[in-house]
Amino acid sequence: MSTAPQLPTAPGAGFDRLYGLEITEVGDGLMRGTVAVRDGIKQPAGLVHGGVYAAMAESLATTGTALAVTENGNAATGLSNQTSFLRPITAGRIDAVARARHRGRTTWVWEVELSDEAGRLCVVTRVTVAVSPAP
């Protein structure tokens, strides 16, 4: 297991910084991350905005794929993201666990579970990541 500061993809930069993603664990086909809930990531009804969950899932899956394929001269790019909302999160933090389920030559498929700080499953996401030669 390695930690986020060793990642070559600069976690916490760009869009991930805006919503507060912190990558907490990196493993072989496993990524974990967390986001603290605050008003700036909520929709008007007071629930965490669905886009935050989708962004967390895609960032973890794409980063996990990139870590595995860049040494072979390839790049990883999000191709599709299907997110199902099971229960809302309104406070605390969002914890995400991403697991690679398929590691192909041109695509990887990840399943991501997002839970509240009490450990209740709130969102499930399937992310497909395209693998192609790096530009």
C-alpha atoms as a PDB file:
ATOM      1  CA  MET A   1       0.000   0.000   0.000  1.00  0.00           C
ATOM      2  CA  SER A   2       1.271   3.451  -0.846  1.00  0.00           C
ATOM      3  CA  THR A   3      -0.025   6.840   0.178  1.00  0.00           C
ATOM      4  CA  ALA A   4      -1.360   9.780  -1.799  1.00  0.00           C
ATOM      5  CA  PRO A   5       1.833  11.918  -1.760  1.00  0.00           C
ATOM      6  CA  GLN A   6       3.561   9.218  -3.848  1.00  0.00           C
ATOM      7  CA  LEU A   7       0.992   9.435  -6.660  1.00  0.00           C
ATOM      8  CA  PRO A   8       2.275  10.782  -9.968  1.00  0.00           C
ATOM      9  CA  THR A   9      -1.109  12.296 -10.871  1.00  0.00           C
ATOM     10  CA  ALA A  10      -1.084  15.167  -8.337  1.00  0.00           C
ATOM     11  CA  PRO A  11      -4.134  14.329  -6.207  1.00  0.00           C
ATOM     12  CA  GLY A  12      -5.849  17.327  -4.756  1.00  0.00           C
ATOM     13  CA  ALA A  13      -5.176  19.442  -7.837  1.00  0.00           C
ATOM     14  CA  GLY A  14      -7.677  20.936 -10.255  1.00  0.00           C
ATOM     15  CA  PHE A  15     -11.321  19.947  -9.886  1.00  0.00           C
ATOM     16  CA  ASP A  16     -10.598  17.461  -7.087  1.00  0.00           C
ATOM     17  CA  ARG A  17      -9.334  20.355  -4.990  1.00  0.00           C
ATOM     18  CA  LEU A  18     -12.594  22.263  -5.489  1.00  0.00           C
ATOM     19  CA  TYR A  19     -14.730  19.610  -3.835  1.00  0.00           C
ATOM     20  CA  GLY A  20     -12.025  18.417  -1.429  1.00  0.00           C
ATOM     21  CA  LEU A  21     -11.024  14.893  -2.474  1.00  0.00           C
ATOM     22  CA  GLU A  22      -8.326  13.324  -0.312  1.00  0.00           C
ATOM     23  CA  ILE A  23      -6.925  10.014  -1.557  1.00  0.00           C
ATOM     24  CA  THR A  24      -6.242   7.950   1.543  1.00  0.00           C
ATOM     25  CA  GLU A  25      -5.143   4.564   0.182  1.00  0.00           C
ATOM     26  CA  VAL A  26      -3.605   3.270  -3.008  1.00  0.00           C
ATOM     27  CA  GLY A  27      -3.233  -0.423  -3.706  1.00  0.00           C
ATOM     28  CA  ASP A  28      -3.216  -2.899  -6.562  1.00  0.00           C
ATOM     29  CA  GLY A  29      -6.698  -2.401  -8.009  1.00  0.00           C
ATOM     30  CA  LEU A  30      -7.861  -0.602  -4.861  1.00  0.00           C
ATOM     31  CA  MET A  31      -8.289   3.100  -4.152  1.00  0.00           C
ATOM     32  CA  ARG A  32      -9.825   4.839  -1.152  1.00  0.00           C
ATOM     33  CA  GLY A  33     -10.724   8.473  -0.717  1.00  0.00           C
ATOM     34  CA  THR A  34     -12.729  10.828   1.437  1.00  0.00           C
ATOM     35  CA  VAL A  35     -14.448  14.196   1.161  1.00  0.00           C
ATOM     36  CA  ALA A  36     -15.579  16.344   4.077  1.00  0.00           C
ATOM     37  CA  VAL A  37     -19.182  17.488   3.685  1.00  0.00           C
ATOM     38  CA  ARG A  38     -19.595  21.260   3.657  1.00  0.00           C
ATOM     39  CA  ASP A  39     -22.186  23.686   2.309  1.00  0.00           C
ATOM     40  CA  GLY A  40     -20.229  24.314  -0.908  1.00  0.00           C
ATOM     41  CA  ILE A  41     -20.808  20.731  -2.149  1.00  0.00           C
ATOM     42  CA  LYS A  42     -24.496  20.546  -1.288  1.00  0.00           C
ATOM     43  CA  GLN A  43     -27.499  21.108  -3.535  1.00  0.00           C
ATOM     44  CA  PRO A  44     -30.155  23.667  -2.447  1.00  0.00           C
ATOM     45  CA  ALA A  45     -32.111  20.965  -0.562  1.00  0.00           C
ATOM     46  CA  GLY A  46     -29.125  20.409   1.751  1.00  0.00           C
ATOM     47  CA  LEU A  47     -27.979  17.056   0.331  1.00  0.00           C
ATOM     48  CA  VAL A  48     -24.534  16.393  -1.109  1.00  0.00           C
ATOM     49  CA  HIS A  49     -24.764  17.081  -4.844  1.00  0.00           C
ATOM     50  CA  GLY A  50     -24.791  13.935  -6.987  1.00  0.00           C
ATOM     51  CA  GLY A  51     -21.940  15.260  -9.090  1.00  0.00           C
ATOM     52  CA  VAL A  52     -19.626  15.066  -6.076  1.00  0.00           C
ATOM     53  CA  TYR A  53     -20.145  11.316  -5.817  1.00  0.00           C
ATOM     54  CA  ALA A  54     -19.628  10.835  -9.552  1.00  0.00           C
ATOM     55  CA  ALA A  55     -16.482  12.974  -9.470  1.00  0.00           C
ATOM     56  CA  MET A  56     -15.038  11.036  -6.534  1.00  0.00           C
ATOM     57  CA  ALA A  57     -15.687   7.727  -8.263  1.00  0.00           C
ATOM     58  CA  GLU A  58     -14.197   8.814 -11.575  1.00  0.00           C
ATOM     59  CA  SER A  59     -11.129  10.377  -9.979  1.00  0.00           C
ATOM     60  CA  LEU A  60     -10.369   7.276  -7.920  1.00  0.00           C
ATOM     61  CA  ALA A  61     -10.926   4.902 -10.860  1.00  0.00           C
ATOM     62  CA  THR A  62      -8.977   6.974 -13.372  1.00  0.00           C
ATOM     63  CA  THR A  63      -6.081   7.548 -10.982  1.00  0.00           C
ATOM     64  CA  GLY A  64      -5.973   3.851 -10.075  1.00  0.00           C
ATOM     65  CA  THR A  65      -5.892   2.883 -13.739  1.00  0.00           C
ATOM     66  CA  ALA A  66      -3.274   5.515 -14.579  1.00  0.00           C
ATOM     67  CA  LEU A  67      -0.985   4.216 -11.845  1.00  0.00           C
ATOM     68  CA  ALA A  68      -1.047   0.795 -13.499  1.00  0.00           C
ATOM     69  CA  VAL A  69      -0.803   1.750 -17.176  1.00  0.00           C
ATOM     70  CA  THR A  70       1.457   4.821 -17.426  1.00  0.00           C
ATOM     71  CA  GLU A  71       4.651   2.809 -17.009  1.00  0.00           C
ATOM     72  CA  ASN A  72       3.775   1.079 -20.290  1.00  0.00           C
ATOM     73  CA  GLY A  73       3.336   4.383 -22.140  1.00  0.00           C
ATOM     74  CA  ASN A  74      -0.451   4.510 -21.810  1.00  0.00           C
ATOM     75  CA  ALA A  75      -2.916   7.068 -20.493  1.00  0.00           C
ATOM     76  CA  ALA A  76      -6.190   6.571 -18.605  1.00  0.00           C
ATOM     77  CA  THR A  77      -9.319   8.570 -19.423  1.00  0.00           C
ATOM     78  CA  GLY A  78     -12.811   8.269 -17.961  1.00  0.00           C
ATOM     79  CA  LEU A  79     -15.151   6.735 -20.550  1.00  0.00           C
ATOM     80  CA  SER A  80     -18.428   6.212 -18.673  1.00  0.00           C
ATOM     81  CA  ASN A  81     -19.832   6.632 -15.199  1.00  0.00           C
ATOM     82  CA  GLN A  82     -23.125   5.161 -13.946  1.00  0.00           C
ATOM     83  CA  THR A  83     -24.126   6.269 -10.471  1.00  0.00           C
ATOM     84  CA  SER A  84     -27.041   5.077  -8.317  1.00  0.00           C
ATOM     85  CA  PHE A  85     -28.068   7.026  -5.225  1.00  0.00           C
ATOM     86  CA  LEU A  86     -29.337   4.882  -2.348  1.00  0.00           C
ATOM     87  CA  ARG A  87     -29.503   7.322   0.570  1.00  0.00           C
ATOM     88  CA  PRO A  88     -28.488  10.965   1.029  1.00  0.00           C
ATOM     89  CA  ILE A  89     -25.541  12.355   2.938  1.00  0.00           C
ATOM     90  CA  THR A  90     -26.065  15.749   4.582  1.00  0.00           C
ATOM     91  CA  ALA A  91     -23.174  16.053   7.058  1.00  0.00           C
ATOM     92  CA  GLY A  92     -19.905  14.476   8.163  1.00  0.00           C
ATOM     93  CA  ARG A  93     -17.820  12.925   5.415  1.00  0.00           C
ATOM     94  CA  ILE A  94     -18.087  10.721   2.361  1.00  0.00           C
ATOM     95  CA  ASP A  95     -15.868   7.626   2.300  1.00  0.00           C
ATOM     96  CA  ALA A  96     -15.231   5.900  -1.029  1.00  0.00           C
ATOM     97  CA  VAL A  97     -13.744   2.496  -1.853  1.00  0.00           C
ATOM     98  CA  ALA A  98     -12.955   1.766  -5.514  1.00  0.00           C
ATOM     99  CA  ARG A  99     -12.133  -1.743  -6.717  1.00  0.00           C
ATOM    100  CA  ALA A 100     -10.945  -2.707 -10.196  1.00  0.00           C
ATOM    101  CA  ARG A 101     -13.216  -5.477 -11.526  1.00  0.00           C
ATOM    102  CA  HIS A 102     -11.809  -5.741 -15.071  1.00  0.00           C
ATOM    103  CA  ARG A 103      -8.289  -4.889 -16.213  1.00  0.00           C
ATOM    104  CA  GLY A 104      -8.298  -5.077 -19.994  1.00  0.00           C
ATOM    105  CA  ARG A 105      -5.886  -3.906 -22.648  1.00  0.00           C
ATOM    106  CA  THR A 106      -8.133  -0.992 -23.710  1.00  0.00           C
ATOM    107  CA  THR A 107     -10.595  -0.596 -20.813  1.00  0.00           C
ATOM    108  CA  TRP A 108     -10.738  -1.048 -17.077  1.00  0.00           C
ATOM    109  CA  VAL A 109     -14.001  -1.310 -15.116  1.00  0.00           C
ATOM    110  CA  TRP A 110     -14.233  -0.200 -11.489  1.00  0.00           C
ATOM    111  CA  GLU A 111     -16.967  -0.526  -8.883  1.00  0.00           C
ATOM    112  CA  VAL A 112     -17.045   2.245  -6.310  1.00  0.00           C
ATOM    113  CA  GLU A 113     -18.985   2.225  -3.045  1.00  0.00           C
ATOM    114  CA  LEU A 114     -19.533   5.527  -1.264  1.00  0.00           C
ATOM    115  CA  SER A 115     -20.646   5.534   2.370  1.00  0.00           C
ATOM    116  CA  ASP A 116     -21.404   8.022   5.091  1.00  0.00           C
ATOM    117  CA  GLU A 117     -19.179   8.247   8.154  1.00  0.00           C
ATOM    118  CA  ALA A 118     -21.425   5.735   9.951  1.00  0.00           C
ATOM    119  CA  GLY A 119     -20.476   3.177   7.294  1.00  0.00           C
ATOM    120  CA  ARG A 120     -23.897   3.082   5.612  1.00  0.00           C
ATOM    121  CA  LEU A 121     -23.764   2.465   1.850  1.00  0.00           C
ATOM    122  CA  CYS A 122     -25.194   5.559   0.164  1.00  0.00           C
ATOM    123  CA  VAL A 123     -24.047   5.469  -3.472  1.00  0.00           C
ATOM    124  CA  VAL A 124     -22.755   2.849  -5.899  1.00  0.00           C
ATOM    125  CA  THR A 125     -20.954   3.737  -9.104  1.00  0.00           C
ATOM    126  CA  ARG A 126     -19.519   1.767 -12.014  1.00  0.00           C
ATOM    127  CA  VAL A 127     -16.774   3.573 -13.913  1.00  0.00           C
ATOM    128  CA  THR A 128     -15.255   2.467 -17.215  1.00  0.00           C
ATOM    129  CA  VAL A 129     -11.819   3.902 -17.948  1.00  0.00           C
ATOM    130  CA  ALA A 130     -10.314   3.927 -21.433  1.00  0.00           C
ATOM    131  CA  VAL A 131      -6.656   2.931 -21.794  1.00  0.00           C
ATOM    132  CA  SER A 132      -4.864   4.337 -24.825  1.00  0.00           C
ATOM    133  CA  PRO A 133      -1.337   5.328 -25.879  1.00  0.00           C
ATOM    134  CA  ALA A 134      -0.204   8.448 -24.046  1.00  0.00           C
ATOM    135  CA  PRO A 135      -0.108  11.580 -26.214  1.00  0.00           C
END
